[in-house]
Amino acid sequence: MYKRQVVRLLLRDGRSGTRLDQHRGHRAGRHPAGSADGPTWQTLDERPGEAFAWDRQTRAFTVRSPGTYEKYRLAVDGEAALSEVELLS
């Protein structure tokens, strides 16, 4: 398998037609992690309580502790609707 270092995440909100005051109430923590073998995961970043300002907004995040891994996952705490996740190396 090919190993890659992810240094940025692009996340796009999946909500549409939500009033701005309703939208701001939807906060979720995002925790990307990387693994070299599958069973063992290393947390690369922690962003508790992040929110999108408007529907379909795309936000970029720099990974705070990048590493070179074969597998990546994104854990989400709370209520979230993502329509797109991009891992950039």
PDB file of N, CA and C in Angstrom:
ATOM      1  N   MET A   1       0.832  -1.189   0.000  1.00  0.00           N
ATOM      2  CA  MET A   1       0.000   0.000   0.000  1.00  0.00           C
ATOM      3  C   MET A   1       0.874   1.249   0.000  1.00  0.00           C
ATOM      4  N   TYR A   2       0.272   2.314  -0.464  1.00  0.00           N
ATOM      5  CA  TYR A   2       0.958   3.589  -0.584  1.00  0.00           C
ATOM      6  C   TYR A   2       0.724   4.435   0.668  1.00  0.00           C
ATOM      7  N   LYS A   3       1.784   4.950   1.253  1.00  0.00           N
ATOM      8  CA  LYS A   3       1.670   5.820   2.423  1.00  0.00           C
ATOM      9  C   LYS A   3       1.747   7.272   1.976  1.00  0.00           C
ATOM     10  N   ARG A   4       0.959   8.100   2.649  1.00  0.00           N
ATOM     11  CA  ARG A   4       0.895   9.512   2.289  1.00  0.00           C
ATOM     12  C   ARG A   4       0.755  10.358   3.550  1.00  0.00           C
ATOM     13  N   GLN A   5       1.326  11.545   3.524  1.00  0.00           N
ATOM     14  CA  GLN A   5       1.185  12.466   4.647  1.00  0.00           C
ATOM     15  C   GLN A   5       0.099  13.486   4.314  1.00  0.00           C
ATOM     16  N   VAL A   6      -0.953  13.508   5.119  1.00  0.00           N
ATOM     17  CA  VAL A   6      -2.035  14.476   4.952  1.00  0.00           C
ATOM     18  C   VAL A   6      -1.717  15.685   5.821  1.00  0.00           C
ATOM     19  N   VAL A   7      -1.695  16.872   5.209  1.00  0.00           N
ATOM     20  CA  VAL A   7      -1.358  18.086   5.951  1.00  0.00           C
ATOM     21  C   VAL A   7      -2.538  19.050   6.060  1.00  0.00           C
ATOM     22  N   ARG A   8      -3.573  18.862   5.203  1.00  0.00           N
ATOM     23  CA  ARG A   8      -4.763  19.722   5.251  1.00  0.00           C
ATOM     24  C   ARG A   8      -6.012  18.896   4.997  1.00  0.00           C
ATOM     25  N   LEU A   9      -7.101  19.338   5.626  1.00  0.00           N
ATOM     26  CA  LEU A   9      -8.423  18.742   5.405  1.00  0.00           C
ATOM     27  C   LEU A   9      -9.335  19.820   4.828  1.00  0.00           C
ATOM     28  N   LEU A  10     -10.117  19.463   3.838  1.00  0.00           N
ATOM     29  CA  LEU A  10     -11.177  20.325   3.350  1.00  0.00           C
ATOM     30  C   LEU A  10     -12.494  19.639   3.670  1.00  0.00           C
ATOM     31  N   LEU A  11     -13.360  20.317   4.397  1.00  0.00           N
ATOM     32  CA  LEU A  11     -14.659  19.774   4.780  1.00  0.00           C
ATOM     33  C   LEU A  11     -15.754  20.669   4.235  1.00  0.00           C
ATOM     34  N   ARG A  12     -16.738  20.051   3.575  1.00  0.00           N
ATOM     35  CA  ARG A  12     -17.862  20.814   3.039  1.00  0.00           C
ATOM     36  C   ARG A  12     -19.125  20.434   3.800  1.00  0.00           C
ATOM     37  N   ASP A  13     -19.831  21.458   4.251  1.00  0.00           N
ATOM     38  CA  ASP A  13     -21.083  21.257   4.965  1.00  0.00           C
ATOM     39  C   ASP A  13     -22.109  20.614   4.040  1.00  0.00           C
ATOM     40  N   GLY A  14     -22.871  19.677   4.570  1.00  0.00           N
ATOM     41  CA  GLY A  14     -23.856  18.972   3.769  1.00  0.00           C
ATOM     42  C   GLY A  14     -25.270  19.482   3.940  1.00  0.00           C
ATOM     43  N   ARG A  15     -25.463  20.508   4.707  1.00  0.00           N
ATOM     44  CA  ARG A  15     -26.819  21.026   4.938  1.00  0.00           C
ATOM     45  C   ARG A  15     -27.207  22.013   3.847  1.00  0.00           C
ATOM     46  N   SER A  16     -28.500  22.026   3.549  1.00  0.00           N
ATOM     47  CA  SER A  16     -29.008  23.035   2.613  1.00  0.00           C
ATOM     48  C   SER A  16     -30.387  23.465   3.075  1.00  0.00           C
ATOM     49  N   GLY A  17     -30.689  24.721   2.847  1.00  0.00           N
ATOM     50  CA  GLY A  17     -31.994  25.245   3.222  1.00  0.00           C
ATOM     51  C   GLY A  17     -32.178  25.476   4.700  1.00  0.00           C
ATOM     52  N   THR A  18     -31.097  25.601   5.450  1.00  0.00           N
ATOM     53  CA  THR A  18     -31.178  25.825   6.891  1.00  0.00           C
ATOM     54  C   THR A  18     -31.026  27.314   7.172  1.00  0.00           C
ATOM     55  N   ARG A  19     -31.902  27.856   7.986  1.00  0.00           N
ATOM     56  CA  ARG A  19     -31.759  29.261   8.380  1.00  0.00           C
ATOM     57  C   ARG A  19     -30.457  29.429   9.148  1.00  0.00           C
ATOM     58  N   LEU A  20     -29.841  30.593   9.017  1.00  0.00           N
ATOM     59  CA  LEU A  20     -28.551  30.847   9.641  1.00  0.00           C
ATOM     60  C   LEU A  20     -28.594  30.656  11.151  1.00  0.00           C
ATOM     61  N   ASP A  21     -29.646  31.099  11.823  1.00  0.00           N
ATOM     62  CA  ASP A  21     -29.707  30.950  13.272  1.00  0.00           C
ATOM     63  C   ASP A  21     -29.823  29.481  13.668  1.00  0.00           C
ATOM     64  N   GLN A  22     -30.483  28.663  12.849  1.00  0.00           N
ATOM     65  CA  GLN A  22     -30.556  27.224  13.119  1.00  0.00           C
ATOM     66  C   GLN A  22     -29.201  26.581  12.858  1.00  0.00           C
ATOM     67  N   HIS A  23     -28.559  27.019  11.795  1.00  0.00           N
ATOM     68  CA  HIS A  23     -27.303  26.423  11.359  1.00  0.00           C
ATOM     69  C   HIS A  23     -26.201  26.602  12.398  1.00  0.00           C
ATOM     70  N   ARG A  24     -26.130  27.758  13.018  1.00  0.00           N
ATOM     71  CA  ARG A  24     -25.068  28.030  13.988  1.00  0.00           C
ATOM     72  C   ARG A  24     -25.159  27.137  15.218  1.00  0.00           C
ATOM     73  N   GLY A  25     -26.328  26.582  15.461  1.00  0.00           N
ATOM     74  CA  GLY A  25     -26.482  25.706  16.613  1.00  0.00           C
ATOM     75  C   GLY A  25     -25.904  24.316  16.414  1.00  0.00           C
ATOM     76  N   HIS A  26     -25.561  23.964  15.186  1.00  0.00           N
ATOM     77  CA  HIS A  26     -25.032  22.633  14.890  1.00  0.00           C
ATOM     78  C   HIS A  26     -23.511  22.659  14.984  1.00  0.00           C
ATOM     79  N   ARG A  27     -23.017  22.183  16.099  1.00  0.00           N
ATOM     80  CA  ARG A  27     -21.577  22.139  16.318  1.00  0.00           C
ATOM     81  C   ARG A  27     -21.150  20.690  16.453  1.00  0.00           C
ATOM     82  N   ALA A  28     -19.972  20.406  15.942  1.00  0.00           N
ATOM     83  CA  ALA A  28     -19.455  19.037  16.031  1.00  0.00           C
ATOM     84  C   ALA A  28     -17.942  19.082  16.155  1.00  0.00           C
ATOM     85  N   GLY A  29     -17.404  18.157  16.916  1.00  0.00           N
ATOM     86  CA  GLY A  29     -15.962  18.007  17.012  1.00  0.00           C
ATOM     87  C   GLY A  29     -15.482  17.110  15.892  1.00  0.00           C
ATOM     88  N   ARG A  30     -14.349  17.421  15.349  1.00  0.00           N
ATOM     89  CA  ARG A  30     -13.785  16.628  14.258  1.00  0.00           C
ATOM     90  C   ARG A  30     -12.396  16.163  14.663  1.00  0.00           C
ATOM     91  N   HIS A  31     -12.152  14.868  14.498  1.00  0.00           N
ATOM     92  CA  HIS A  31     -10.901  14.269  14.957  1.00  0.00           C
ATOM     93  C   HIS A  31     -10.332  13.353  13.875  1.00  0.00           C
ATOM     94  N   PRO A  32      -9.468  13.874  12.984  1.00  0.00           N
ATOM     95  CA  PRO A  32      -8.843  12.999  11.997  1.00  0.00           C
ATOM     96  C   PRO A  32      -7.778  12.125  12.656  1.00  0.00           C
ATOM     97  N   ALA A  33      -7.635  10.920  12.136  1.00  0.00           N
ATOM     98  CA  ALA A  33      -6.645   9.980  12.670  1.00  0.00           C
ATOM     99  C   ALA A  33      -6.000   9.228  11.517  1.00  0.00           C
ATOM    100  N   GLY A  34      -4.786   8.765  11.746  1.00  0.00           N
ATOM    101  CA  GLY A  34      -4.061   7.985  10.754  1.00  0.00           C
ATOM    102  C   GLY A  34      -3.603   6.668  11.334  1.00  0.00           C
ATOM    103  N   SER A  35      -3.440   5.658  10.448  1.00  0.00           N
ATOM    104  CA  SER A  35      -3.008   4.334  10.886  1.00  0.00           C
ATOM    105  C   SER A  35      -2.057   3.726   9.862  1.00  0.00           C
ATOM    106  N   ALA A  36      -1.034   3.082  10.365  1.00  0.00           N
ATOM    107  CA  ALA A  36      -0.102   2.355   9.498  1.00  0.00           C
ATOM    108  C   ALA A  36      -0.552   0.916   9.297  1.00  0.00           C
ATOM    109  N   ASP A  37      -1.356   0.385  10.239  1.00  0.00           N
ATOM    110  CA  ASP A  37      -1.703  -1.031  10.186  1.00  0.00           C
ATOM    111  C   ASP A  37      -3.203  -1.328  10.241  1.00  0.00           C
ATOM    112  N   GLY A  38      -4.048  -0.362  10.581  1.00  0.00           N
ATOM    113  CA  GLY A  38      -5.498  -0.598  10.673  1.00  0.00           C
ATOM    114  C   GLY A  38      -6.021  -0.662  12.091  1.00  0.00           C
ATOM    115  N   PRO A  39      -5.492  -1.528  12.959  1.00  0.00           N
ATOM    116  CA  PRO A  39      -6.006  -1.595  14.322  1.00  0.00           C
ATOM    117  C   PRO A  39      -5.556  -0.441  15.222  1.00  0.00           C
ATOM    118  N   THR A  40      -4.394   0.142  14.970  1.00  0.00           N
ATOM    119  CA  THR A  40      -3.844   1.190  15.821  1.00  0.00           C
ATOM    120  C   THR A  40      -3.983   2.537  15.114  1.00  0.00           C
ATOM    121  N   TRP A  41      -4.657   3.480  15.794  1.00  0.00           N
ATOM    122  CA  TRP A  41      -4.912   4.799  15.197  1.00  0.00           C
ATOM    123  C   TRP A  41      -4.259   5.896  16.031  1.00  0.00           C
ATOM    124  N   GLN A  42      -3.685   6.878  15.346  1.00  0.00           N
ATOM    125  CA  GLN A  42      -3.056   8.032  15.977  1.00  0.00           C
ATOM    126  C   GLN A  42      -3.892   9.272  15.653  1.00  0.00           C
ATOM    127  N   THR A  43      -4.366   9.970  16.684  1.00  0.00           N
ATOM    128  CA  THR A  43      -5.120  11.202  16.467  1.00  0.00           C
ATOM    129  C   THR A  43      -4.175  12.278  15.934  1.00  0.00           C
ATOM    130  N   LEU A  44      -4.566  12.914  14.832  1.00  0.00           N
ATOM    131  CA  LEU A  44      -3.723  13.911  14.184  1.00  0.00           C
ATOM    132  C   LEU A  44      -4.110  15.342  14.544  1.00  0.00           C
ATOM    133  N   ASP A  45      -5.338  15.509  14.999  1.00  0.00           N
ATOM    134  CA  ASP A  45      -5.852  16.841  15.269  1.00  0.00           C
ATOM    135  C   ASP A  45      -7.127  16.693  16.093  1.00  0.00           C
ATOM    136  N   GLU A  46      -7.453  17.681  16.884  1.00  0.00           N
ATOM    137  CA  GLU A  46      -8.722  17.695  17.621  1.00  0.00           C
ATOM    138  C   GLU A  46      -9.325  19.077  17.500  1.00  0.00           C
ATOM    139  N   ARG A  47     -10.556  19.128  17.033  1.00  0.00           N
ATOM    140  CA  ARG A  47     -11.265  20.401  16.846  1.00  0.00           C
ATOM    141  C   ARG A  47     -12.651  20.291  17.464  1.00  0.00           C
ATOM    142  N   PRO A  48     -12.776  20.509  18.755  1.00  0.00           N
ATOM    143  CA  PRO A  48     -14.090  20.407  19.391  1.00  0.00           C
ATOM    144  C   PRO A  48     -14.990  21.598  19.047  1.00  0.00           C
ATOM    145  N   GLY A  49     -16.262  21.347  18.857  1.00  0.00           N
ATOM    146  CA  GLY A  49     -17.244  22.411  18.712  1.00  0.00           C
ATOM    147  C   GLY A  49     -17.129  23.270  17.478  1.00  0.00           C
ATOM    148  N   GLU A  50     -16.615  22.734  16.370  1.00  0.00           N
ATOM    149  CA  GLU A  50     -16.517  23.501  15.126  1.00  0.00           C
ATOM    150  C   GLU A  50     -17.895  23.650  14.496  1.00  0.00           C
ATOM    151  N   ALA A  51     -18.117  24.759  13.806  1.00  0.00           N
ATOM    152  CA  ALA A  51     -19.398  24.993  13.136  1.00  0.00           C
ATOM    153  C   ALA A  51     -19.159  25.633  11.778  1.00  0.00           C
ATOM    154  N   PHE A  52     -20.091  25.425  10.867  1.00  0.00           N
ATOM    155  CA  PHE A  52     -20.069  26.091   9.569  1.00  0.00           C
ATOM    156  C   PHE A  52     -20.948  27.331   9.675  1.00  0.00           C
ATOM    157  N   ALA A  53     -20.530  28.423   9.037  1.00  0.00           N
ATOM    158  CA  ALA A  53     -21.270  29.680   9.122  1.00  0.00           C
ATOM    159  C   ALA A  53     -22.473  29.706   8.188  1.00  0.00           C
ATOM    160  N   TRP A  54     -22.442  28.948   7.093  1.00  0.00           N
ATOM    161  CA  TRP A  54     -23.555  28.920   6.150  1.00  0.00           C
ATOM    162  C   TRP A  54     -23.633  27.558   5.472  1.00  0.00           C
ATOM    163  N   ASP A  55     -24.755  27.291   4.817  1.00  0.00           N
ATOM    164  CA  ASP A  55     -24.973  26.030   4.106  1.00  0.00           C
ATOM    165  C   ASP A  55     -23.933  25.841   3.010  1.00  0.00           C
ATOM    166  N   ARG A  56     -23.481  24.612   2.881  1.00  0.00           N
ATOM    167  CA  ARG A  56     -22.538  24.215   1.827  1.00  0.00           C
ATOM    168  C   ARG A  56     -21.188  24.921   1.906  1.00  0.00           C
ATOM    169  N   GLN A  57     -20.878  25.519   3.042  1.00  0.00           N
ATOM    170  CA  GLN A  57     -19.578  26.174   3.216  1.00  0.00           C
ATOM    171  C   GLN A  57     -18.481  25.123   3.197  1.00  0.00           C
ATOM    172  N   THR A  58     -17.356  25.457   2.582  1.00  0.00           N
ATOM    173  CA  THR A  58     -16.164  24.613   2.615  1.00  0.00           C
ATOM    174  C   THR A  58     -15.151  25.278   3.534  1.00  0.00           C
ATOM    175  N   ARG A  59     -14.641  24.493   4.478  1.00  0.00           N
ATOM    176  CA  ARG A  59     -13.628  25.013   5.406  1.00  0.00           C
ATOM    177  C   ARG A  59     -12.364  24.190   5.280  1.00  0.00           C
ATOM    178  N   ALA A  60     -11.223  24.862   5.350  1.00  0.00           N
ATOM    179  CA  ALA A  60      -9.918  24.196   5.288  1.00  0.00           C
ATOM    180  C   ALA A  60      -9.294  24.202   6.677  1.00  0.00           C
ATOM    181  N   PHE A  61      -8.694  23.098   7.043  1.00  0.00           N
ATOM    182  CA  PHE A  61      -8.030  22.956   8.329  1.00  0.00           C
ATOM    183  C   PHE A  61      -6.623  22.410   8.105  1.00  0.00           C
ATOM    184  N   THR A  62      -5.634  23.021   8.722  1.00  0.00           N
ATOM    185  CA  THR A  62      -4.286  22.479   8.701  1.00  0.00           C
ATOM    186  C   THR A  62      -4.199  21.423   9.797  1.00  0.00           C
ATOM    187  N   VAL A  63      -3.699  20.251   9.453  1.00  0.00           N
ATOM    188  CA  VAL A  63      -3.559  19.161  10.427  1.00  0.00           C
ATOM    189  C   VAL A  63      -2.431  19.528  11.384  1.00  0.00           C
ATOM    190  N   ARG A  64      -2.727  19.517  12.665  1.00  0.00           N
ATOM    191  CA  ARG A  64      -1.754  19.982  13.670  1.00  0.00           C
ATOM    192  C   ARG A  64      -0.586  19.020  13.887  1.00  0.00           C
ATOM    193  N   SER A  65      -0.827  17.708  13.746  1.00  0.00           N
ATOM    194  CA  SER A  65       0.238  16.713  13.944  1.00  0.00           C
ATOM    195  C   SER A  65       0.259  15.737  12.774  1.00  0.00           C
ATOM    196  N   PRO A  66       0.676  16.196  11.588  1.00  0.00           N
ATOM    197  CA  PRO A  66       0.649  15.283  10.437  1.00  0.00           C
ATOM    198  C   PRO A  66       1.669  14.160  10.596  1.00  0.00           C
ATOM    199  N   GLY A  67       1.404  13.075   9.944  1.00  0.00           N
ATOM    200  CA  GLY A  67       2.308  11.932   9.919  1.00  0.00           C
ATOM    201  C   GLY A  67       2.080  11.196   8.611  1.00  0.00           C
ATOM    202  N   THR A  68       2.894  10.207   8.327  1.00  0.00           N
ATOM    203  CA  THR A  68       2.765   9.430   7.100  1.00  0.00           C
ATOM    204  C   THR A  68       2.070   8.115   7.442  1.00  0.00           C
ATOM    205  N   TYR A  69       0.880   7.926   6.858  1.00  0.00           N
ATOM    206  CA  TYR A  69       0.062   6.758   7.169  1.00  0.00           C
ATOM    207  C   TYR A  69      -0.529   6.146   5.904  1.00  0.00           C
ATOM    208  N   GLU A  70      -0.912   4.892   6.035  1.00  0.00           N
ATOM    209  CA  GLU A  70      -1.556   4.154   4.945  1.00  0.00           C
ATOM    210  C   GLU A  70      -3.060   4.393   4.927  1.00  0.00           C
ATOM    211  N   LYS A  71      -3.659   4.563   6.107  1.00  0.00           N
ATOM    212  CA  LYS A  71      -5.111   4.706   6.237  1.00  0.00           C
ATOM    213  C   LYS A  71      -5.439   5.952   7.047  1.00  0.00           C
ATOM    214  N   TYR A  72      -6.568   6.550   6.692  1.00  0.00           N
ATOM    215  CA  TYR A  72      -7.043   7.735   7.416  1.00  0.00           C
ATOM    216  C   TYR A  72      -8.522   7.577   7.714  1.00  0.00           C
ATOM    217  N   ARG A  73      -8.959   8.182   8.818  1.00  0.00           N
ATOM    218  CA  ARG A  73     -10.382   8.226   9.149  1.00  0.00           C
ATOM    219  C   ARG A  73     -10.686   9.561   9.820  1.00  0.00           C
ATOM    220  N   LEU A  74     -11.963   9.913   9.795  1.00  0.00           N
ATOM    221  CA  LEU A  74     -12.412  11.152  10.421  1.00  0.00           C
ATOM    222  C   LEU A  74     -13.547  10.807  11.374  1.00  0.00           C
ATOM    223  N   ALA A  75     -13.319  10.995  12.666  1.00  0.00           N
ATOM    224  CA  ALA A  75     -14.371  10.778  13.669  1.00  0.00           C
ATOM    225  C   ALA A  75     -15.054  12.116  13.916  1.00  0.00           C
ATOM    226  N   VAL A  76     -16.379  12.068  14.054  1.00  0.00           N
ATOM    227  CA  VAL A  76     -17.164  13.279  14.274  1.00  0.00           C
ATOM    228  C   VAL A  76     -17.990  13.110  15.535  1.00  0.00           C
ATOM    229  N   ASP A  77     -17.892  14.085  16.444  1.00  0.00           N
ATOM    230  CA  ASP A  77     -18.700  14.102  17.667  1.00  0.00           C
ATOM    231  C   ASP A  77     -19.857  15.065  17.447  1.00  0.00           C
ATOM    232  N   GLY A  78     -21.021  14.723  17.924  1.00  0.00           N
ATOM    233  CA  GLY A  78     -22.153  15.632  17.812  1.00  0.00           C
ATOM    234  C   GLY A  78     -22.883  15.478  16.498  1.00  0.00           C
ATOM    235  N   GLU A  79     -23.672  16.493  16.179  1.00  0.00           N
ATOM    236  CA  GLU A  79     -24.493  16.466  14.972  1.00  0.00           C
ATOM    237  C   GLU A  79     -23.719  17.094  13.821  1.00  0.00           C
ATOM    238  N   ALA A  80     -23.541  16.338  12.746  1.00  0.00           N
ATOM    239  CA  ALA A  80     -22.788  16.846  11.604  1.00  0.00           C
ATOM    240  C   ALA A  80     -23.355  16.269  10.321  1.00  0.00           C
ATOM    241  N   ALA A  81     -23.281  17.044   9.266  1.00  0.00           N
ATOM    242  CA  ALA A  81     -23.647  16.573   7.936  1.00  0.00           C
ATOM    243  C   ALA A  81     -22.587  17.097   6.983  1.00  0.00           C
ATOM    244  N   LEU A  82     -21.735  16.211   6.512  1.00  0.00           N
ATOM    245  CA  LEU A  82     -20.674  16.587   5.584  1.00  0.00           C
ATOM    246  C   LEU A  82     -21.008  16.033   4.210  1.00  0.00           C
ATOM    247  N   SER A  83     -20.872  16.868   3.176  1.00  0.00           N
ATOM    248  CA  SER A  83     -21.116  16.376   1.825  1.00  0.00           C
ATOM    249  C   SER A  83     -19.806  16.034   1.124  1.00  0.00           C
ATOM    250  N   GLU A  84     -18.695  16.524   1.662  1.00  0.00           N
ATOM    251  CA  GLU A  84     -17.406  16.248   1.026  1.00  0.00           C
ATOM    252  C   GLU A  84     -16.296  16.343   2.054  1.00  0.00           C
ATOM    253  N   VAL A  85     -15.346  15.416   1.949  1.00  0.00           N
ATOM    254  CA  VAL A  85     -14.131  15.420   2.775  1.00  0.00           C
ATOM    255  C   VAL A  85     -12.968  15.215   1.838  1.00  0.00           C
ATOM    256  N   GLU A  86     -12.004  16.119   1.849  1.00  0.00           N
ATOM    257  CA  GLU A  86     -10.797  15.977   1.025  1.00  0.00           C
ATOM    258  C   GLU A  86      -9.593  15.959   1.931  1.00  0.00           C
ATOM    259  N   LEU A  87      -8.687  15.024   1.672  1.00  0.00           N
ATOM    260  CA  LEU A  87      -7.420  14.929   2.383  1.00  0.00           C
ATOM    261  C   LEU A  87      -6.345  15.414   1.429  1.00  0.00           C
ATOM    262  N   LEU A  88      -5.604  16.432   1.816  1.00  0.00           N
ATOM    263  CA  LEU A  88      -4.587  17.015   0.946  1.00  0.00           C
ATOM    264  C   LEU A  88      -3.199  16.748   1.499  1.00  0.00           C
ATOM    265  N   SER A  89      -2.307  16.305   0.606  1.00  0.00           N
ATOM    266  CA  SER A  89      -0.938  16.039   1.028  1.00  0.00           C
ATOM    267  C   SER A  89       0.006  17.049   0.431  1.00  0.00           C
TER     268      SER A  89
END
